[in-house]
C-alpha atoms as a PDB file:
ATOM      1  CA  UNK A   1       1.143   3.618  -8.458  1.00  0.00           C
ATOM      2  CA  UNK A   2      -0.226   6.192 -10.858  1.00  0.00           C
ATOM      3  CA  UNK A   3      -3.649   7.574 -10.067  1.00  0.00           C
ATOM      4  CA  UNK A   4      -5.504   9.128 -12.938  1.00  0.00           C
ATOM      5  CA  UNK A   5      -7.396  12.377 -12.564  1.00  0.00           C
ATOM      6  CA  UNK A   6     -10.639  10.439 -13.131  1.00  0.00           C
ATOM      7  CA  UNK A   7      -9.889   8.222 -10.123  1.00  0.00           C
ATOM      8  CA  UNK A   8      -9.113  11.269  -7.976  1.00  0.00           C
ATOM      9  CA  UNK A   9     -12.390  12.895  -9.014  1.00  0.00           C
ATOM     10  CA  UNK A  10     -14.312   9.713  -8.225  1.00  0.00           C
ATOM     11  CA  UNK A  11     -12.693   9.514  -4.782  1.00  0.00           C
ATOM     12  CA  UNK A  12     -13.504  13.141  -4.041  1.00  0.00           C
ATOM     13  CA  UNK A  13     -17.093  12.620  -5.219  1.00  0.00           C
ATOM     14  CA  UNK A  14     -17.495   9.730  -2.813  1.00  0.00           C
ATOM     15  CA  UNK A  15     -15.924  11.693   0.031  1.00  0.00           C
ATOM     16  CA  UNK A  16     -18.246  14.628  -0.683  1.00  0.00           C
ATOM     17  CA  UNK A  17     -21.224  12.244  -0.537  1.00  0.00           C
ATOM     18  CA  UNK A  18     -20.053  10.918   2.819  1.00  0.00           C
ATOM     19  CA  UNK A  19     -19.621  14.447   4.179  1.00  0.00           C
ATOM     20  CA  UNK A  20     -23.118  15.314   2.959  1.00  0.00           C
ATOM     21  CA  UNK A  21     -24.554  12.293   4.712  1.00  0.00           C
ATOM     22  CA  UNK A  22     -22.678  13.275   7.865  1.00  0.00           C
ATOM     23  CA  UNK A  23     -24.289  16.708   7.797  1.00  0.00           C
ATOM     24  CA  UNK A  24     -27.739  15.373   6.970  1.00  0.00           C
ATOM     25  CA  UNK A  25     -27.754  12.647   9.633  1.00  0.00           C
ATOM     26  CA  UNK A  26     -25.630  14.226  12.355  1.00  0.00           C
ATOM     27  CA  UNK A  27     -28.198  13.632  15.105  1.00  0.00           C
ATOM     28  CA  UNK A  28     -28.633   9.977  14.194  1.00  0.00           C
ATOM     29  CA  UNK A  29     -24.867   9.450  14.099  1.00  0.00           C
ATOM     30  CA  UNK A  30     -24.518  10.982  17.574  1.00  0.00           C
ATOM     31  CA  UNK A  31     -27.354   8.805  18.879  1.00  0.00           C
ATOM     32  CA  UNK A  32     -25.686   5.718  17.426  1.00  0.00           C
ATOM     33  CA  UNK A  33     -22.382   6.572  19.079  1.00  0.00           C
ATOM     34  CA  UNK A  34     -24.132   7.125  22.414  1.00  0.00           C
ATOM     35  CA  UNK A  35     -25.993   3.822  22.092  1.00  0.00           C
ATOM     36  CA  UNK A  36     -22.794   1.955  21.221  1.00  0.00           C
ATOM     37  CA  UNK A  37     -21.095   3.557  24.228  1.00  0.00           C
ATOM     38  CA  UNK A  38     -23.912   2.417  26.548  1.00  0.00           C
ATOM     39  CA  UNK A  39     -23.773  -1.147  25.207  1.00  0.00           C
ATOM     40  CA  UNK A  40     -19.987  -1.220  25.623  1.00  0.00           C
ATOM     41  CA  UNK A  41     -20.308  -0.037  29.224  1.00  0.00           C
ATOM     42  CA  UNK A  42     -22.845  -2.789  29.934  1.00  0.00           C
ATOM     43  CA  UNK A  43     -21.042  -5.621  28.150  1.00  0.00           C
ATOM     44  CA  UNK A  44     -17.318  -5.020  28.689  1.00  0.00           C
ATOM     45  CA  UNK A  45     -16.992  -1.921  30.849  1.00  0.00           C
ATOM     46  CA  UNK A  46     -15.447  -3.727  33.810  1.00  0.00           C
ATOM     47  CA  UNK A  47     -13.003  -5.685  31.647  1.00  0.00           C
ATOM     48  CA  UNK A  48     -11.859  -2.851  29.391  1.00  0.00           C
ATOM     49  CA  UNK A  49     -12.359   0.105  31.689  1.00  0.00           C
ATOM     50  CA  UNK A  50     -15.089   2.696  31.591  1.00  0.00           C
ATOM     51  CA  UNK A  51     -12.600   5.495  30.975  1.00  0.00           C
ATOM     52  CA  UNK A  52     -11.374   3.844  27.769  1.00  0.00           C
ATOM     53  CA  UNK A  53     -14.937   3.472  26.506  1.00  0.00           C
ATOM     54  CA  UNK A  54     -15.637   7.132  27.296  1.00  0.00           C
ATOM     55  CA  UNK A  55     -12.468   8.187  25.475  1.00  0.00           C
ATOM     56  CA  UNK A  56     -13.391   6.128  22.419  1.00  0.00           C
ATOM     57  CA  UNK A  57     -16.898   7.608  22.346  1.00  0.00           C
ATOM     58  CA  UNK A  58     -15.491  11.132  22.665  1.00  0.00           C
ATOM     59  CA  UNK A  59     -13.136  10.527  19.740  1.00  0.00           C
ATOM     60  CA  UNK A  60     -15.976   9.084  17.667  1.00  0.00           C
ATOM     61  CA  UNK A  61     -18.077  12.191  18.387  1.00  0.00           C
ATOM     62  CA  UNK A  62     -15.147  14.432  17.404  1.00  0.00           C
ATOM     63  CA  UNK A  63     -14.652  12.543  14.130  1.00  0.00           C
ATOM     64  CA  UNK A  64     -18.362  12.734  13.323  1.00  0.00           C
ATOM     65  CA  UNK A  65     -18.432  16.454  14.128  1.00  0.00           C
ATOM     66  CA  UNK A  66     -15.375  17.061  11.959  1.00  0.00           C
ATOM     67  CA  UNK A  67     -16.964  15.177   9.080  1.00  0.00           C
ATOM     68  CA  UNK A  68     -20.206  17.157   9.409  1.00  0.00           C
ATOM     69  CA  UNK A  69     -18.381  20.499   9.646  1.00  0.00           C
ATOM     70  CA  UNK A  70     -16.207  20.062   6.547  1.00  0.00           C
END
């Protein structure tokens, strides 16, 4: 598949927008991850395992931090 330079520029523009939103709303993203983690612990923690939920939340925080730092 051949990707034109215009398509590459459009993709990079979108990615830059997403990174900007990550920086601008970093606190809200972290709060959302924490809230999702708490709900997962309450709803399926015993079935899935609390350690797996904690690991997933940690990875989500790392991804959000990486996005905000770039």
